[in-house]
Amino acid sequence: MIAVYDDENAEAVQFAWDYANPKLTLGLKTLIHECAYYKEKGFKYLYIGGADEYKNKMDGLEVMSPVAWIDNRWSIDGFEKVPGK
């Protein structure tokens, strides 16, 4: 399942997993496919959740600083000074 935020940003919010045969690495294969698909569609970023170790196997992985939604806008690290406060 993918959440699309705008023309450049989407988020993969679910993945596939096979508990009977984890060596299939369905989650990683699914993420690689989703990244390629959304890149082809013109998206700049596909957010894929936390920086789990297995994701380091993906080419082009970037880790984003923590963010928080404050006063109707995104704030890096959640500690960015909000003007007027």
N, C-alpha and C. Protein backbone atom coordinates (compact mmCIF):
# COMPACT_ATOMS: atom_id res chain seq x y z
N MET A 1 0.85 -1.17 0.00
CA MET A 1 0.00 0.00 0.00
C MET A 1 0.90 1.23 0.00
N ILE A 2 0.57 2.20 -0.82
CA ILE A 2 1.35 3.42 -0.97
C ILE A 2 0.47 4.64 -0.65
N ALA A 3 1.02 5.57 0.11
CA ALA A 3 0.35 6.85 0.36
C ALA A 3 1.04 7.89 -0.51
N VAL A 4 0.28 8.54 -1.38
CA VAL A 4 0.83 9.57 -2.27
C VAL A 4 0.50 10.93 -1.67
N TYR A 5 1.56 11.74 -1.44
CA TYR A 5 1.38 13.06 -0.82
C TYR A 5 1.28 14.18 -1.84
N ASP A 6 2.08 14.10 -2.89
CA ASP A 6 2.03 15.09 -3.96
C ASP A 6 2.71 14.48 -5.18
N ASP A 7 3.06 15.29 -6.16
CA ASP A 7 3.65 14.76 -7.40
C ASP A 7 5.07 14.25 -7.25
N GLU A 8 5.72 14.53 -6.12
CA GLU A 8 7.11 14.13 -5.92
C GLU A 8 7.34 13.19 -4.75
N ASN A 9 6.37 13.04 -3.86
CA ASN A 9 6.57 12.31 -2.61
C ASN A 9 5.48 11.28 -2.35
N ALA A 10 5.92 10.07 -2.04
CA ALA A 10 4.99 9.00 -1.67
C ALA A 10 5.64 8.19 -0.56
N GLU A 11 4.84 7.36 0.10
CA GLU A 11 5.35 6.54 1.20
C GLU A 11 4.82 5.12 1.08
N ALA A 12 5.74 4.17 1.18
CA ALA A 12 5.36 2.75 1.22
C ALA A 12 4.98 2.44 2.66
N VAL A 13 3.72 2.13 2.90
CA VAL A 13 3.25 1.94 4.28
C VAL A 13 2.98 0.50 4.65
N GLN A 14 3.17 -0.43 3.73
CA GLN A 14 3.06 -1.86 4.02
C GLN A 14 4.04 -2.61 3.16
N PHE A 15 4.38 -3.80 3.58
CA PHE A 15 5.31 -4.61 2.81
C PHE A 15 4.86 -6.07 2.84
N ALA A 16 5.51 -6.89 2.02
CA ALA A 16 5.21 -8.32 1.97
C ALA A 16 6.21 -9.08 2.83
N TRP A 17 5.77 -10.14 3.42
CA TRP A 17 6.66 -10.97 4.24
C TRP A 17 6.15 -12.40 4.20
N ASP A 18 7.05 -13.34 4.11
CA ASP A 18 6.69 -14.76 4.12
C ASP A 18 7.34 -15.40 5.34
N TYR A 19 6.57 -15.56 6.40
CA TYR A 19 7.11 -16.13 7.63
C TYR A 19 7.56 -17.58 7.45
N ALA A 20 6.93 -18.30 6.53
CA ALA A 20 7.30 -19.69 6.28
C ALA A 20 8.64 -19.80 5.56
N ASN A 21 9.00 -18.78 4.76
CA ASN A 21 10.25 -18.82 4.01
C ASN A 21 10.86 -17.42 3.93
N PRO A 22 11.42 -16.92 5.06
CA PRO A 22 11.95 -15.55 5.06
C PRO A 22 13.13 -15.36 4.11
N LYS A 23 13.78 -16.42 3.69
CA LYS A 23 14.91 -16.28 2.77
C LYS A 23 14.48 -15.76 1.40
N LEU A 24 13.18 -15.74 1.14
CA LEU A 24 12.68 -15.17 -0.12
C LEU A 24 12.90 -13.66 -0.16
N THR A 25 13.07 -13.04 0.98
CA THR A 25 13.24 -11.58 1.13
C THR A 25 12.20 -10.80 0.34
N LEU A 26 10.94 -11.20 0.50
CA LEU A 26 9.86 -10.54 -0.24
C LEU A 26 9.75 -9.06 0.09
N GLY A 27 9.99 -8.68 1.35
CA GLY A 27 9.92 -7.26 1.71
C GLY A 27 10.93 -6.44 0.94
N LEU A 28 12.17 -6.90 0.87
CA LEU A 28 13.20 -6.17 0.14
C LEU A 28 12.90 -6.15 -1.36
N LYS A 29 12.50 -7.26 -1.91
CA LYS A 29 12.18 -7.32 -3.34
C LYS A 29 11.01 -6.41 -3.68
N THR A 30 10.02 -6.37 -2.80
CA THR A 30 8.86 -5.50 -3.01
C THR A 30 9.28 -4.03 -2.98
N LEU A 31 10.11 -3.65 -1.98
CA LEU A 31 10.57 -2.26 -1.89
C LEU A 31 11.38 -1.84 -3.11
N ILE A 32 12.25 -2.72 -3.58
CA ILE A 32 13.06 -2.40 -4.76
C ILE A 32 12.14 -2.17 -5.97
N HIS A 33 11.13 -3.03 -6.12
CA HIS A 33 10.17 -2.86 -7.22
C HIS A 33 9.39 -1.56 -7.07
N GLU A 34 8.91 -1.28 -5.85
CA GLU A 34 8.14 -0.05 -5.62
C GLU A 34 8.98 1.19 -5.90
N CYS A 35 10.24 1.19 -5.48
CA CYS A 35 11.13 2.32 -5.74
C CYS A 35 11.29 2.54 -7.24
N ALA A 36 11.53 1.47 -7.98
CA ALA A 36 11.70 1.58 -9.43
C ALA A 36 10.41 2.08 -10.09
N TYR A 37 9.27 1.56 -9.66
CA TYR A 37 7.98 1.94 -10.23
C TYR A 37 7.70 3.43 -10.02
N TYR A 38 7.88 3.91 -8.78
CA TYR A 38 7.58 5.32 -8.51
C TYR A 38 8.62 6.26 -9.11
N LYS A 39 9.85 5.82 -9.24
CA LYS A 39 10.86 6.62 -9.94
C LYS A 39 10.45 6.77 -11.40
N GLU A 40 10.01 5.69 -12.01
CA GLU A 40 9.55 5.73 -13.41
C GLU A 40 8.35 6.66 -13.58
N LYS A 41 7.52 6.75 -12.56
CA LYS A 41 6.34 7.63 -12.59
C LYS A 41 6.69 9.09 -12.33
N GLY A 42 7.97 9.38 -12.05
CA GLY A 42 8.40 10.76 -11.87
C GLY A 42 8.49 11.25 -10.43
N PHE A 43 8.28 10.36 -9.46
CA PHE A 43 8.38 10.77 -8.07
C PHE A 43 9.84 10.98 -7.70
N LYS A 44 10.10 11.96 -6.85
CA LYS A 44 11.46 12.25 -6.41
C LYS A 44 11.83 11.38 -5.21
N TYR A 45 10.87 11.15 -4.30
CA TYR A 45 11.13 10.38 -3.09
C TYR A 45 10.04 9.36 -2.84
N LEU A 46 10.45 8.19 -2.39
CA LEU A 46 9.54 7.18 -1.85
C LEU A 46 10.05 6.88 -0.45
N TYR A 47 9.30 7.29 0.55
CA TYR A 47 9.69 7.07 1.94
C TYR A 47 9.33 5.63 2.30
N ILE A 48 10.30 4.93 2.90
CA ILE A 48 10.12 3.49 3.13
C ILE A 48 10.22 3.12 4.60
N GLY A 49 9.93 4.07 5.48
CA GLY A 49 9.94 3.76 6.90
C GLY A 49 11.31 3.88 7.52
N GLY A 50 11.49 3.22 8.65
CA GLY A 50 12.72 3.31 9.42
C GLY A 50 13.94 2.78 8.68
N ALA A 51 15.11 3.15 9.19
CA ALA A 51 16.38 2.76 8.57
C ALA A 51 16.78 1.36 9.03
N ASP A 52 15.97 0.38 8.68
CA ASP A 52 16.25 -1.00 9.04
C ASP A 52 17.47 -1.51 8.28
N GLU A 53 18.23 -2.39 8.91
CA GLU A 53 19.50 -2.85 8.34
C GLU A 53 19.34 -3.46 6.95
N TYR A 54 18.29 -4.25 6.74
CA TYR A 54 18.13 -4.91 5.44
C TYR A 54 17.95 -3.91 4.30
N LYS A 55 17.48 -2.71 4.60
CA LYS A 55 17.29 -1.69 3.56
C LYS A 55 18.61 -1.14 3.04
N ASN A 56 19.70 -1.36 3.78
CA ASN A 56 21.02 -0.92 3.30
C ASN A 56 21.43 -1.66 2.03
N LYS A 57 20.74 -2.72 1.68
CA LYS A 57 21.03 -3.47 0.47
C LYS A 57 20.45 -2.79 -0.77
N MET A 58 19.72 -1.71 -0.58
CA MET A 58 19.08 -1.01 -1.69
C MET A 58 19.99 0.09 -2.22
N ASP A 59 20.16 0.14 -3.53
CA ASP A 59 20.92 1.23 -4.15
C ASP A 59 20.15 2.54 -3.99
N GLY A 60 20.87 3.62 -3.70
CA GLY A 60 20.25 4.94 -3.63
C GLY A 60 19.55 5.25 -2.33
N LEU A 61 19.68 4.40 -1.32
CA LEU A 61 19.02 4.64 -0.04
C LEU A 61 19.57 5.91 0.62
N GLU A 62 18.68 6.78 1.04
CA GLU A 62 19.04 7.97 1.81
C GLU A 62 18.27 7.92 3.12
N VAL A 63 18.93 8.26 4.21
CA VAL A 63 18.27 8.28 5.51
C VAL A 63 17.95 9.72 5.86
N MET A 64 16.70 9.97 6.15
CA MET A 64 16.21 11.31 6.44
C MET A 64 16.27 11.57 7.94
N SER A 65 16.57 12.79 8.32
CA SER A 65 16.55 13.17 9.72
C SER A 65 15.12 13.04 10.24
N PRO A 66 14.97 12.81 11.53
CA PRO A 66 13.61 12.77 12.09
C PRO A 66 12.89 14.09 11.85
N VAL A 67 11.60 14.01 11.62
CA VAL A 67 10.80 15.21 11.40
C VAL A 67 9.55 15.15 12.27
N ALA A 68 8.93 16.28 12.44
CA ALA A 68 7.67 16.36 13.18
C ALA A 68 6.77 17.38 12.50
N TRP A 69 5.47 17.18 12.60
CA TRP A 69 4.49 18.11 12.05
C TRP A 69 4.15 19.11 13.15
N ILE A 70 4.58 20.37 12.96
CA ILE A 70 4.36 21.42 13.95
C ILE A 70 3.74 22.62 13.25
N ASP A 71 2.65 23.11 13.79
CA ASP A 71 1.98 24.30 13.24
C ASP A 71 1.76 24.19 11.74
N ASN A 72 1.21 23.08 11.30
CA ASN A 72 0.85 22.84 9.90
C ASN A 72 2.04 22.86 8.93
N ARG A 73 3.21 22.46 9.39
CA ARG A 73 4.36 22.33 8.50
C ARG A 73 5.33 21.31 9.09
N TRP A 74 6.19 20.76 8.23
CA TRP A 74 7.19 19.80 8.69
C TRP A 74 8.37 20.52 9.30
N SER A 75 8.89 19.99 10.40
CA SER A 75 10.02 20.55 11.10
C SER A 75 11.10 19.47 11.23
N ILE A 76 12.31 19.75 10.80
CA ILE A 76 13.40 18.79 10.89
C ILE A 76 13.74 18.56 12.36
N ASP A 77 13.94 17.29 12.72
CA ASP A 77 14.26 16.86 14.08
C ASP A 77 13.16 17.19 15.10
N GLY A 78 12.10 17.85 14.66
CA GLY A 78 11.05 18.19 15.59
C GLY A 78 11.43 19.32 16.54
N PHE A 79 12.63 19.89 16.38
CA PHE A 79 13.10 20.91 17.29
C PHE A 79 13.35 22.24 16.60
N GLU A 80 12.98 22.34 15.33
CA GLU A 80 13.19 23.59 14.60
C GLU A 80 12.37 24.69 15.27
N LYS A 81 13.01 25.83 15.48
CA LYS A 81 12.31 26.95 16.13
C LYS A 81 11.17 27.43 15.24
N VAL A 82 10.01 27.52 15.82
CA VAL A 82 8.84 28.01 15.12
C VAL A 82 8.78 29.52 15.32
N PRO A 83 8.76 30.31 14.21
CA PRO A 83 8.73 31.78 14.35
C PRO A 83 7.59 32.25 15.24
N GLY A 84 7.90 33.22 16.10
CA GLY A 84 6.88 33.81 16.95
C GLY A 84 6.60 33.04 18.23
N LYS A 85 7.35 31.98 18.47
CA LYS A 85 7.09 31.19 19.70
C LYS A 85 8.28 31.16 20.59
